[in-house]
N, C-alpha and C. Protein backbone atom coordinates (compact mmCIF):
# COMPACT_ATOMS: atom_id res chain seq x y z
N MET A 1 95.62 96.57 79.72
CA MET A 1 96.16 95.49 80.53
C MET A 1 95.47 95.46 81.89
N ALA A 2 95.25 94.26 82.42
CA ALA A 2 94.67 94.10 83.74
C ALA A 2 95.79 93.68 84.69
N TYR A 3 96.05 94.50 85.68
CA TYR A 3 97.07 94.15 86.67
C TYR A 3 96.56 94.57 88.04
N PRO A 4 96.99 93.87 89.09
CA PRO A 4 96.53 94.21 90.44
C PRO A 4 97.18 95.51 90.92
N MET A 5 96.47 96.21 91.77
CA MET A 5 97.04 97.41 92.37
C MET A 5 97.99 97.00 93.51
N ALA A 6 98.85 97.92 93.88
CA ALA A 6 99.80 97.66 94.97
C ALA A 6 99.06 97.61 96.31
N PRO A 7 99.56 96.81 97.24
CA PRO A 7 100.83 96.07 97.18
C PRO A 7 100.69 94.78 96.38
N TRP A 8 101.83 94.32 95.88
CA TRP A 8 101.89 93.02 95.22
C TRP A 8 102.51 92.02 96.20
N ASN A 9 101.81 90.92 96.40
CA ASN A 9 102.32 89.82 97.22
C ASN A 9 102.67 88.65 96.30
N LEU A 10 103.91 88.20 96.39
CA LEU A 10 104.44 87.22 95.45
C LEU A 10 105.09 86.07 96.22
N GLN A 11 104.91 84.85 95.70
CA GLN A 11 105.45 83.66 96.36
C GLN A 11 106.18 82.79 95.35
N GLY A 12 107.27 82.17 95.80
CA GLY A 12 108.01 81.27 94.92
C GLY A 12 109.42 81.05 95.40
N TYR A 13 110.39 81.22 94.49
CA TYR A 13 111.80 81.06 94.84
C TYR A 13 112.62 82.02 93.99
N ALA A 14 113.88 82.22 94.41
CA ALA A 14 114.72 83.18 93.71
C ALA A 14 116.19 82.85 93.95
N VAL A 15 117.03 83.36 93.05
CA VAL A 15 118.48 83.33 93.22
C VAL A 15 118.97 84.77 93.15
N GLN A 16 119.80 85.15 94.11
CA GLN A 16 120.34 86.52 94.18
C GLN A 16 121.86 86.46 94.17
N THR A 17 122.48 87.18 93.22
CA THR A 17 123.93 87.33 93.25
C THR A 17 124.28 88.72 93.78
N VAL A 18 125.40 88.81 94.45
CA VAL A 18 125.88 90.08 95.00
C VAL A 18 127.28 90.34 94.44
N HIS A 19 127.49 91.58 93.97
CA HIS A 19 128.75 91.94 93.33
C HIS A 19 129.26 93.27 93.86
N LEU A 20 130.58 93.41 93.91
CA LEU A 20 131.21 94.72 94.02
C LEU A 20 131.38 95.25 92.60
N ILE A 21 130.86 96.44 92.32
CA ILE A 21 130.84 96.99 90.96
C ILE A 21 131.56 98.33 90.95
N ASP A 22 132.37 98.55 89.94
CA ASP A 22 133.06 99.83 89.80
C ASP A 22 132.05 100.94 89.56
N THR A 23 132.14 102.00 90.34
CA THR A 23 131.19 103.10 90.19
C THR A 23 131.29 103.75 88.81
N LYS A 24 132.46 103.67 88.17
CA LYS A 24 132.60 104.26 86.84
C LYS A 24 131.73 103.55 85.80
N HIS A 25 131.36 102.31 86.07
CA HIS A 25 130.48 101.58 85.15
C HIS A 25 129.01 101.84 85.43
N VAL A 26 128.72 102.48 86.55
CA VAL A 26 127.36 102.63 87.04
C VAL A 26 126.76 104.01 86.75
N ARG A 27 127.59 105.04 86.76
CA ARG A 27 127.09 106.42 86.71
C ARG A 27 126.14 106.66 85.55
N GLY A 28 126.43 106.13 84.38
CA GLY A 28 125.59 106.37 83.22
C GLY A 28 124.23 105.70 83.28
N LEU A 29 124.02 104.80 84.25
CA LEU A 29 122.74 104.09 84.37
C LEU A 29 121.85 104.66 85.45
N ILE A 30 122.31 105.74 86.12
CA ILE A 30 121.59 106.28 87.28
C ILE A 30 121.40 107.78 87.10
N PRO A 31 120.21 108.32 87.35
CA PRO A 31 119.99 109.77 87.20
C PRO A 31 120.96 110.58 88.06
N SER A 32 121.30 111.76 87.58
CA SER A 32 122.29 112.60 88.26
C SER A 32 121.82 113.07 89.63
N GLU A 33 120.51 113.04 89.89
CA GLU A 33 119.99 113.47 91.19
C GLU A 33 120.43 112.54 92.32
N PHE A 34 120.87 111.33 91.98
CA PHE A 34 121.27 110.36 92.99
C PHE A 34 122.79 110.33 93.14
N GLU A 35 123.21 110.23 94.38
CA GLU A 35 124.62 109.98 94.68
C GLU A 35 124.83 108.47 94.72
N ILE A 36 125.87 108.00 94.05
CA ILE A 36 126.19 106.57 94.13
C ILE A 36 126.83 106.30 95.48
N PHE A 37 126.28 105.34 96.20
CA PHE A 37 126.77 105.03 97.54
C PHE A 37 127.92 104.03 97.42
N SER A 38 129.10 104.45 97.85
CA SER A 38 130.30 103.62 97.76
C SER A 38 130.53 102.89 99.07
N VAL A 39 130.82 101.59 98.99
CA VAL A 39 131.16 100.81 100.16
C VAL A 39 132.67 100.72 100.34
N PHE A 40 133.41 100.88 99.25
CA PHE A 40 134.86 101.03 99.22
C PHE A 40 135.15 102.11 98.19
N PRO A 41 136.32 102.72 98.23
CA PRO A 41 136.63 103.72 97.21
C PRO A 41 136.44 103.17 95.79
N GLY A 42 135.57 103.84 95.03
CA GLY A 42 135.33 103.43 93.66
C GLY A 42 134.47 102.20 93.49
N LYS A 43 133.87 101.68 94.58
CA LYS A 43 133.07 100.46 94.49
C LYS A 43 131.71 100.65 95.16
N THR A 44 130.68 100.14 94.50
CA THR A 44 129.35 100.06 95.11
C THR A 44 128.91 98.60 95.10
N VAL A 45 127.76 98.33 95.70
CA VAL A 45 127.24 96.96 95.77
C VAL A 45 126.02 96.85 94.85
N GLY A 46 126.03 95.85 94.01
CA GLY A 46 124.89 95.59 93.13
C GLY A 46 124.68 94.10 93.00
N GLY A 47 123.84 93.73 92.06
CA GLY A 47 123.61 92.31 91.86
C GLY A 47 122.48 92.02 90.90
N LEU A 48 122.22 90.74 90.75
CA LEU A 48 121.16 90.24 89.89
C LEU A 48 120.22 89.38 90.72
N TYR A 49 118.94 89.56 90.48
CA TYR A 49 117.91 88.82 91.21
C TYR A 49 117.00 88.17 90.17
N VAL A 50 116.96 86.85 90.17
CA VAL A 50 116.10 86.14 89.22
C VAL A 50 115.16 85.25 90.01
N SER A 51 113.87 85.31 89.68
CA SER A 51 112.86 84.67 90.52
C SER A 51 111.76 84.03 89.68
N ASN A 52 111.05 83.13 90.34
CA ASN A 52 109.88 82.49 89.77
C ASN A 52 108.75 82.63 90.78
N TYR A 53 107.72 83.38 90.41
CA TYR A 53 106.58 83.60 91.29
C TYR A 53 105.44 82.66 90.87
N GLN A 54 104.95 81.90 91.82
CA GLN A 54 104.07 80.78 91.53
C GLN A 54 102.67 81.00 92.08
N ALA A 55 101.89 79.92 92.12
CA ALA A 55 100.52 79.97 92.62
C ALA A 55 100.50 80.57 94.03
N GLY A 56 99.50 81.41 94.26
CA GLY A 56 99.41 82.16 95.51
C GLY A 56 99.87 83.59 95.37
N SER A 57 100.54 83.90 94.25
CA SER A 57 100.98 85.26 93.96
C SER A 57 99.86 86.04 93.28
N VAL A 58 99.92 87.38 93.38
CA VAL A 58 98.91 88.19 92.69
C VAL A 58 99.02 88.04 91.18
N LEU A 59 100.22 87.76 90.69
CA LEU A 59 100.46 87.39 89.30
C LEU A 59 101.52 86.29 89.30
N GLU A 60 101.43 85.37 88.36
CA GLU A 60 102.46 84.35 88.22
C GLU A 60 103.36 84.72 87.06
N TYR A 61 104.66 84.84 87.35
CA TYR A 61 105.61 85.20 86.30
C TYR A 61 107.04 84.98 86.78
N ASN A 62 107.97 85.05 85.82
CA ASN A 62 109.41 85.04 86.10
C ASN A 62 109.94 86.46 86.00
N GLU A 63 111.05 86.72 86.70
CA GLU A 63 111.57 88.08 86.74
C GLU A 63 113.10 88.07 86.88
N LEU A 64 113.75 88.96 86.16
CA LEU A 64 115.17 89.23 86.33
C LEU A 64 115.34 90.72 86.59
N ILE A 65 115.95 91.06 87.73
CA ILE A 65 116.18 92.44 88.11
C ILE A 65 117.67 92.70 88.14
N VAL A 66 118.10 93.78 87.50
CA VAL A 66 119.51 94.19 87.48
C VAL A 66 119.65 95.41 88.39
N ILE A 67 120.47 95.29 89.41
CA ILE A 67 120.71 96.37 90.36
C ILE A 67 122.18 96.80 90.20
N PRO A 68 122.45 97.89 89.50
CA PRO A 68 123.84 98.28 89.26
C PRO A 68 124.54 98.85 90.48
N GLY A 69 123.78 99.25 91.50
CA GLY A 69 124.43 99.79 92.68
C GLY A 69 123.44 100.36 93.68
N LEU A 70 124.00 100.76 94.81
CA LEU A 70 123.23 101.46 95.84
C LEU A 70 123.32 102.96 95.58
N VAL A 71 122.22 103.66 95.89
CA VAL A 71 122.20 105.10 95.68
C VAL A 71 121.70 105.79 96.94
N LYS A 72 122.03 107.07 97.02
CA LYS A 72 121.62 107.88 98.16
C LYS A 72 120.87 109.10 97.64
N TYR A 73 119.72 109.37 98.27
CA TYR A 73 118.92 110.54 97.91
C TYR A 73 118.28 111.09 99.18
N LYS A 74 118.56 112.35 99.49
CA LYS A 74 118.03 113.00 100.69
C LYS A 74 118.28 112.15 101.93
N ASP A 75 119.52 111.72 102.08
CA ASP A 75 119.97 110.95 103.25
C ASP A 75 119.35 109.57 103.37
N LYS A 76 118.66 109.11 102.32
CA LYS A 76 118.10 107.77 102.33
C LYS A 76 118.83 106.91 101.32
N ILE A 77 119.22 105.71 101.72
CA ILE A 77 119.95 104.79 100.85
C ILE A 77 119.01 103.69 100.38
N GLY A 78 119.10 103.36 99.11
CA GLY A 78 118.26 102.30 98.56
C GLY A 78 118.89 101.73 97.31
N GLY A 79 118.22 100.77 96.72
CA GLY A 79 118.69 100.18 95.48
C GLY A 79 118.18 100.94 94.27
N TRP A 80 118.87 100.77 93.16
CA TRP A 80 118.42 101.32 91.89
C TRP A 80 118.31 100.19 90.88
N VAL A 81 117.22 100.13 90.15
CA VAL A 81 116.99 99.10 89.13
C VAL A 81 117.21 99.73 87.76
N SER A 82 118.19 99.22 87.03
CA SER A 82 118.47 99.76 85.69
C SER A 82 117.80 98.96 84.59
N HIS A 83 117.63 97.66 84.81
CA HIS A 83 117.00 96.78 83.82
C HIS A 83 116.15 95.77 84.58
N ILE A 84 115.01 95.43 83.99
CA ILE A 84 114.14 94.45 84.62
C ILE A 84 113.33 93.74 83.54
N TYR A 85 113.33 92.41 83.60
CA TYR A 85 112.71 91.57 82.58
C TYR A 85 111.70 90.64 83.23
N VAL A 86 110.56 90.45 82.58
CA VAL A 86 109.52 89.54 83.05
C VAL A 86 108.91 88.84 81.85
N ASP A 87 108.09 87.82 82.11
CA ASP A 87 107.46 87.10 80.99
C ASP A 87 105.94 87.15 81.08
N ASN A 88 105.42 88.21 81.69
CA ASN A 88 103.98 88.39 81.80
C ASN A 88 103.64 89.84 81.42
N PRO A 89 102.85 90.05 80.37
CA PRO A 89 102.53 91.42 79.94
C PRO A 89 101.85 92.26 81.02
N ASP A 90 101.04 91.62 81.87
CA ASP A 90 100.40 92.37 82.96
C ASP A 90 101.42 92.87 83.97
N SER A 91 102.48 92.09 84.18
CA SER A 91 103.56 92.54 85.07
C SER A 91 104.31 93.71 84.45
N VAL A 92 104.51 93.67 83.14
CA VAL A 92 105.14 94.81 82.45
C VAL A 92 104.33 96.07 82.67
N ALA A 93 103.03 95.98 82.43
CA ALA A 93 102.16 97.16 82.54
C ALA A 93 102.12 97.67 83.97
N GLY A 94 101.93 96.77 84.94
CA GLY A 94 101.86 97.19 86.32
C GLY A 94 103.17 97.78 86.82
N GLY A 95 104.27 97.14 86.45
CA GLY A 95 105.57 97.65 86.87
C GLY A 95 105.86 99.04 86.34
N ARG A 96 105.49 99.29 85.10
CA ARG A 96 105.72 100.61 84.50
C ARG A 96 104.75 101.65 85.05
N GLU A 97 103.48 101.29 85.16
CA GLU A 97 102.47 102.29 85.50
C GLU A 97 102.37 102.57 86.99
N ILE A 98 102.68 101.58 87.84
CA ILE A 98 102.62 101.81 89.29
C ILE A 98 103.96 102.32 89.81
N TRP A 99 105.04 101.62 89.47
CA TRP A 99 106.35 101.92 90.07
C TRP A 99 107.31 102.66 89.13
N GLY A 100 106.95 102.84 87.88
CA GLY A 100 107.86 103.49 86.96
C GLY A 100 109.08 102.67 86.61
N LEU A 101 108.99 101.35 86.76
CA LEU A 101 110.12 100.48 86.48
C LEU A 101 110.17 100.11 85.00
N PRO A 102 111.38 99.98 84.44
CA PRO A 102 111.52 99.76 82.99
C PRO A 102 111.35 98.31 82.58
N LYS A 103 110.23 97.69 82.94
CA LYS A 103 110.04 96.28 82.65
C LYS A 103 109.92 96.02 81.15
N GLU A 104 110.55 94.92 80.73
CA GLU A 104 110.48 94.46 79.35
C GLU A 104 110.14 92.98 79.35
N LEU A 105 109.54 92.53 78.26
CA LEU A 105 109.25 91.11 78.11
C LEU A 105 110.50 90.34 77.70
N ALA A 106 110.63 89.14 78.24
CA ALA A 106 111.73 88.25 77.89
C ALA A 106 111.27 86.81 78.12
N ASP A 107 112.08 85.88 77.65
CA ASP A 107 111.80 84.45 77.81
C ASP A 107 112.73 83.87 78.87
N PHE A 108 112.15 83.08 79.78
CA PHE A 108 112.90 82.49 80.88
C PHE A 108 112.90 80.97 80.75
N THR A 109 114.04 80.37 81.01
CA THR A 109 114.16 78.91 81.04
C THR A 109 114.86 78.51 82.33
N TRP A 110 114.15 77.75 83.15
CA TRP A 110 114.71 77.20 84.38
C TRP A 110 114.97 75.71 84.16
N LEU A 111 116.21 75.30 84.38
CA LEU A 111 116.56 73.89 84.42
C LEU A 111 116.86 73.54 85.87
N ASP A 112 117.32 72.34 86.13
CA ASP A 112 117.52 71.93 87.51
C ASP A 112 118.51 72.84 88.24
N LYS A 113 119.63 73.14 87.59
CA LYS A 113 120.66 73.95 88.24
C LYS A 113 121.12 75.09 87.32
N ARG A 114 120.23 75.55 86.48
CA ARG A 114 120.59 76.61 85.54
C ARG A 114 119.36 77.42 85.18
N VAL A 115 119.55 78.72 85.00
CA VAL A 115 118.49 79.59 84.51
C VAL A 115 119.10 80.53 83.48
N PHE A 116 118.37 80.76 82.38
CA PHE A 116 118.83 81.76 81.42
C PHE A 116 117.65 82.54 80.88
N VAL A 117 117.95 83.77 80.46
CA VAL A 117 116.94 84.71 80.00
C VAL A 117 117.31 85.16 78.60
N GLN A 118 116.31 85.20 77.70
CA GLN A 118 116.55 85.58 76.32
C GLN A 118 115.55 86.62 75.86
N GLN A 119 116.00 87.48 74.96
CA GLN A 119 115.14 88.42 74.24
C GLN A 119 115.42 88.25 72.76
N ALA A 120 114.35 88.06 71.97
CA ALA A 120 114.48 87.89 70.53
C ALA A 120 115.51 86.81 70.19
N GLY A 121 115.51 85.75 70.99
CA GLY A 121 116.41 84.63 70.73
C GLY A 121 117.83 84.82 71.19
N LYS A 122 118.16 85.99 71.76
CA LYS A 122 119.53 86.26 72.21
C LYS A 122 119.58 86.22 73.74
N THR A 123 120.56 85.52 74.26
CA THR A 123 120.70 85.39 75.71
C THR A 123 121.23 86.69 76.30
N VAL A 124 120.56 87.18 77.35
CA VAL A 124 121.03 88.39 78.05
C VAL A 124 121.70 88.03 79.37
N PHE A 125 121.49 86.79 79.83
CA PHE A 125 121.98 86.38 81.14
C PHE A 125 121.82 84.89 81.28
N SER A 126 122.81 84.24 81.92
CA SER A 126 122.65 82.85 82.31
C SER A 126 123.39 82.63 83.62
N LEU A 127 122.87 81.73 84.43
CA LEU A 127 123.46 81.45 85.73
C LEU A 127 123.38 79.96 86.01
N ASP A 128 124.53 79.36 86.23
CA ASP A 128 124.59 77.98 86.72
C ASP A 128 124.77 78.05 88.22
N PHE A 129 124.01 77.26 88.96
CA PHE A 129 124.08 77.35 90.41
C PHE A 129 123.85 75.98 91.05
N ASN A 130 124.35 75.85 92.26
CA ASN A 130 124.21 74.62 93.03
C ASN A 130 123.26 74.89 94.18
N LYS A 131 122.17 74.18 94.27
CA LYS A 131 121.17 74.42 95.31
C LYS A 131 121.60 73.89 96.68
N GLN A 132 122.64 73.07 96.72
CA GLN A 132 123.05 72.48 97.98
C GLN A 132 123.76 73.52 98.84
N SER A 133 123.34 73.64 100.10
CA SER A 133 123.94 74.60 101.02
C SER A 133 123.93 74.00 102.41
N TRP A 134 124.95 74.35 103.19
CA TRP A 134 125.02 73.86 104.56
C TRP A 134 124.12 74.66 105.50
N MET A 135 123.56 75.76 104.99
CA MET A 135 122.71 76.59 105.84
C MET A 135 121.30 76.67 105.27
N ASN A 136 120.33 76.87 106.17
CA ASN A 136 118.93 76.98 105.76
C ASN A 136 118.23 77.87 106.79
N TRP A 137 118.55 79.15 106.75
CA TRP A 137 118.01 80.10 107.72
C TRP A 137 116.73 80.73 107.21
N ARG A 138 115.73 80.84 108.07
CA ARG A 138 114.51 81.57 107.74
C ARG A 138 114.72 83.02 108.14
N LEU A 139 114.67 83.92 107.16
CA LEU A 139 114.96 85.32 107.38
C LEU A 139 113.78 86.19 106.99
N THR A 140 113.66 87.32 107.66
CA THR A 140 112.71 88.36 107.30
C THR A 140 113.50 89.65 107.12
N LEU A 141 113.43 90.24 105.93
CA LEU A 141 114.21 91.42 105.62
C LEU A 141 113.33 92.49 104.99
N GLY A 142 113.67 93.74 105.22
CA GLY A 142 112.99 94.86 104.57
C GLY A 142 114.00 95.81 103.97
N TRP A 143 113.64 96.44 102.88
CA TRP A 143 114.54 97.37 102.20
C TRP A 143 113.68 98.30 101.37
N SER A 144 114.32 99.21 100.64
CA SER A 144 113.57 100.10 99.75
C SER A 144 114.36 100.32 98.48
N SER A 145 113.67 100.73 97.46
CA SER A 145 114.28 100.99 96.16
C SER A 145 113.73 102.29 95.60
N PHE A 146 114.51 102.88 94.68
CA PHE A 146 114.10 104.10 94.01
C PHE A 146 113.75 103.82 92.55
N SER A 147 112.93 104.69 91.99
CA SER A 147 112.64 104.66 90.56
C SER A 147 112.20 106.06 90.16
N THR A 148 111.93 106.25 88.89
CA THR A 148 111.40 107.53 88.41
C THR A 148 110.21 107.28 87.52
N LYS A 149 109.26 108.21 87.57
CA LYS A 149 108.10 108.16 86.67
C LYS A 149 107.81 109.59 86.25
N GLU A 150 107.88 109.80 84.93
CA GLU A 150 107.83 111.16 84.41
C GLU A 150 108.97 111.95 85.07
N ARG A 151 108.68 113.03 85.79
CA ARG A 151 109.76 113.76 86.46
C ARG A 151 109.76 113.57 87.97
N ASN A 152 109.02 112.57 88.42
CA ASN A 152 108.94 112.29 89.85
C ASN A 152 109.96 111.23 90.26
N ILE A 153 110.60 111.44 91.38
CA ILE A 153 111.45 110.43 91.99
C ILE A 153 110.61 109.67 93.00
N LEU A 154 110.57 108.35 92.85
CA LEU A 154 109.74 107.49 93.69
C LEU A 154 110.60 106.64 94.60
N SER A 155 110.06 106.35 95.77
CA SER A 155 110.68 105.39 96.69
C SER A 155 109.60 104.40 97.11
N PHE A 156 109.95 103.12 97.12
CA PHE A 156 108.96 102.12 97.53
C PHE A 156 109.63 101.05 98.39
N PRO A 157 108.97 100.69 99.49
CA PRO A 157 109.50 99.65 100.37
C PRO A 157 109.06 98.27 99.91
N PHE A 158 109.86 97.29 100.26
CA PHE A 158 109.47 95.90 100.03
C PHE A 158 110.03 95.04 101.15
N GLY A 159 109.39 93.93 101.38
CA GLY A 159 109.80 93.03 102.44
C GLY A 159 109.85 91.59 101.96
N PHE A 160 110.87 90.86 102.42
CA PHE A 160 111.07 89.46 102.06
C PHE A 160 110.96 88.58 103.30
N GLU A 161 110.43 87.39 103.11
CA GLU A 161 110.58 86.31 104.07
C GLU A 161 110.95 85.07 103.28
N PHE A 162 112.03 84.38 103.65
CA PHE A 162 112.51 83.27 102.84
C PHE A 162 113.49 82.42 103.64
N ASN A 163 113.73 81.21 103.13
CA ASN A 163 114.78 80.35 103.65
C ASN A 163 116.04 80.61 102.84
N LEU A 164 117.10 81.02 103.52
CA LEU A 164 118.33 81.42 102.85
C LEU A 164 119.34 80.29 102.85
N GLY A 165 119.94 80.05 101.68
CA GLY A 165 121.09 79.17 101.56
C GLY A 165 122.15 79.85 100.72
N LEU A 166 123.39 79.85 101.18
CA LEU A 166 124.50 80.40 100.41
C LEU A 166 125.06 79.29 99.53
N ILE A 167 125.17 79.56 98.23
CA ILE A 167 125.51 78.53 97.26
C ILE A 167 126.60 79.03 96.32
N SER A 168 127.13 78.12 95.51
CA SER A 168 128.09 78.49 94.48
C SER A 168 127.36 78.74 93.17
N SER A 169 127.96 79.57 92.30
CA SER A 169 127.32 79.87 91.02
C SER A 169 128.36 80.31 90.00
N LYS A 170 127.96 80.26 88.74
CA LYS A 170 128.78 80.76 87.64
C LYS A 170 127.88 81.62 86.77
N LEU A 171 128.24 82.88 86.64
CA LEU A 171 127.43 83.86 85.90
C LEU A 171 128.03 84.12 84.53
N GLU A 172 127.16 84.25 83.52
CA GLU A 172 127.59 84.65 82.19
C GLU A 172 126.67 85.76 81.69
N VAL A 173 127.26 86.90 81.32
CA VAL A 173 126.54 88.02 80.71
C VAL A 173 127.20 88.28 79.37
N PRO A 174 126.58 87.90 78.25
CA PRO A 174 127.21 88.09 76.94
C PRO A 174 127.51 89.56 76.65
N HIS A 175 128.48 89.79 75.78
CA HIS A 175 128.85 91.16 75.41
C HIS A 175 127.69 91.91 74.77
N SER A 176 126.75 91.18 74.15
CA SER A 176 125.60 91.81 73.51
C SER A 176 124.47 92.13 74.50
N SER A 177 124.61 91.73 75.76
CA SER A 177 123.57 91.98 76.75
C SER A 177 123.43 93.47 77.02
N PRO A 178 122.21 93.97 77.25
CA PRO A 178 122.00 95.40 77.53
C PRO A 178 122.73 95.89 78.78
N PHE A 179 123.08 94.99 79.70
CA PHE A 179 123.78 95.43 80.91
C PHE A 179 125.21 94.89 80.99
N ALA A 180 125.77 94.54 79.82
CA ALA A 180 127.16 94.06 79.78
C ALA A 180 128.14 95.13 80.24
N SER A 181 127.76 96.41 80.10
CA SER A 181 128.67 97.50 80.47
C SER A 181 128.99 97.52 81.96
N LEU A 182 128.21 96.83 82.78
CA LEU A 182 128.50 96.76 84.21
C LEU A 182 129.75 95.94 84.50
N ASN A 183 130.15 95.14 83.51
CA ASN A 183 131.38 94.36 83.64
C ASN A 183 131.35 93.49 84.90
N LEU A 184 130.24 92.80 85.08
CA LEU A 184 130.07 91.95 86.25
C LEU A 184 131.05 90.78 86.20
N GLY A 185 131.76 90.57 87.28
CA GLY A 185 132.64 89.42 87.38
C GLY A 185 131.95 88.31 88.15
N ALA A 186 132.75 87.45 88.73
CA ALA A 186 132.20 86.37 89.55
C ALA A 186 131.48 86.98 90.76
N PRO A 187 130.33 86.43 91.14
CA PRO A 187 129.62 86.98 92.30
C PRO A 187 130.44 86.91 93.57
N LEU A 188 130.30 87.95 94.40
CA LEU A 188 130.90 87.93 95.73
C LEU A 188 130.25 86.85 96.57
N LEU A 189 128.93 86.70 96.42
CA LEU A 189 128.20 85.59 97.02
C LEU A 189 126.91 85.39 96.24
N THR A 190 126.34 84.20 96.39
CA THR A 190 125.07 83.85 95.74
C THR A 190 124.15 83.24 96.77
N ALA A 191 122.90 83.70 96.79
CA ALA A 191 121.91 83.20 97.75
C ALA A 191 120.80 82.47 97.02
N TRP A 192 120.43 81.32 97.54
CA TRP A 192 119.28 80.55 97.06
C TRP A 192 118.15 80.81 98.05
N CYS A 193 117.04 81.36 97.58
CA CYS A 193 115.93 81.79 98.43
C CYS A 193 114.73 80.89 98.19
N LYS A 194 114.47 79.99 99.11
CA LYS A 194 113.33 79.07 99.00
C LYS A 194 112.15 79.59 99.81
N ASN A 195 110.97 79.09 99.49
CA ASN A 195 109.76 79.45 100.24
C ASN A 195 109.67 80.96 100.41
N LEU A 196 109.82 81.64 99.29
CA LEU A 196 109.89 83.10 99.28
C LEU A 196 108.50 83.72 99.35
N ASN A 197 108.35 84.68 100.23
CA ASN A 197 107.18 85.55 100.27
C ASN A 197 107.67 86.99 100.14
N LEU A 198 107.22 87.68 99.14
CA LEU A 198 107.67 89.04 98.85
C LEU A 198 106.47 89.97 98.78
N ARG A 199 106.57 91.11 99.46
CA ARG A 199 105.53 92.14 99.39
C ARG A 199 106.18 93.43 98.89
N VAL A 200 105.64 93.97 97.80
CA VAL A 200 106.14 95.23 97.25
C VAL A 200 105.03 96.27 97.39
N ASP A 201 105.30 97.32 98.16
CA ASP A 201 104.29 98.33 98.46
C ASP A 201 104.25 99.43 97.40
N ALA A 202 103.20 100.21 97.43
CA ALA A 202 103.03 101.32 96.50
C ALA A 202 104.13 102.36 96.72
N PRO A 203 104.52 103.05 95.66
CA PRO A 203 105.58 104.05 95.79
C PRO A 203 105.05 105.37 96.35
N GLN A 204 106.00 106.15 96.87
CA GLN A 204 105.72 107.51 97.29
C GLN A 204 106.64 108.46 96.53
N ILE A 205 106.11 109.64 96.21
CA ILE A 205 106.93 110.65 95.56
C ILE A 205 107.81 111.32 96.60
N VAL A 206 109.13 111.29 96.39
CA VAL A 206 110.07 111.86 97.36
C VAL A 206 110.88 113.01 96.78
N GLY A 207 110.71 113.30 95.49
CA GLY A 207 111.45 114.39 94.88
C GLY A 207 111.14 114.50 93.40
N ASN A 208 111.91 115.33 92.73
CA ASN A 208 111.70 115.57 91.31
C ASN A 208 113.01 115.55 90.55
N CYS A 209 112.94 115.08 89.31
CA CYS A 209 114.09 115.12 88.41
C CYS A 209 114.08 116.45 87.65
N ALA A 210 115.27 116.90 87.28
CA ALA A 210 115.38 118.13 86.50
C ALA A 210 114.75 117.95 85.12
N ALA A 211 114.77 116.72 84.61
CA ALA A 211 114.19 116.39 83.31
C ALA A 211 113.69 114.96 83.35
N ASN A 212 112.83 114.60 82.41
CA ASN A 212 112.36 113.23 82.33
C ASN A 212 113.56 112.31 82.16
N TYR A 213 113.65 111.27 82.98
CA TYR A 213 114.78 110.33 82.88
C TYR A 213 114.39 109.20 81.96
N THR A 214 115.29 108.88 81.04
CA THR A 214 115.08 107.76 80.12
C THR A 214 116.01 106.63 80.49
N TYR A 215 115.44 105.46 80.80
CA TYR A 215 116.26 104.31 81.13
C TYR A 215 117.04 103.86 79.91
N SER A 216 118.29 103.48 80.12
CA SER A 216 119.13 103.02 79.00
C SER A 216 118.70 101.60 78.59
């Protein structure tokens, strides 16, 4: 596979949902080396991020990222990705070989106010959303995420610049979906991200796992 080396610069648009998730639903999706970061007793923050990266990006593709919660490792807090779907084989290869992310191929369909993702003809996720928002803020944000590759624990920073709108949405995750166990309810909030510029930097090794971690 031919894929660009890090950093990856991506442009397009995205929808992000934010959820309060029971930590009891999350523990089995995260290596034991990480502490689940609770924002309330028994609750962490997670969400779904679905995007379309267009011309001007190092690769053009669609992506769905499942973040079951926030984690803490060596006093650093970041996101954890349990499932990630794309529709470009080069993105699968690069995501796995550079960042150790469990990328899988899937089919994406964007309609005017709806997006859904399928694998082997079965829907794993669908989201109805309203693009209309009373706000249109240009924001610049930075964060970091963790992953594992072989027995290495990796941390990688990424930065966003986008126009933010808070919108309404309706999420459906079928019982047959690989991440249905998260028991996601209605989003706490949903963000529509226009004119998105995303930079994902190369990972750094920050620790080691006791054993090779296998993503569920």
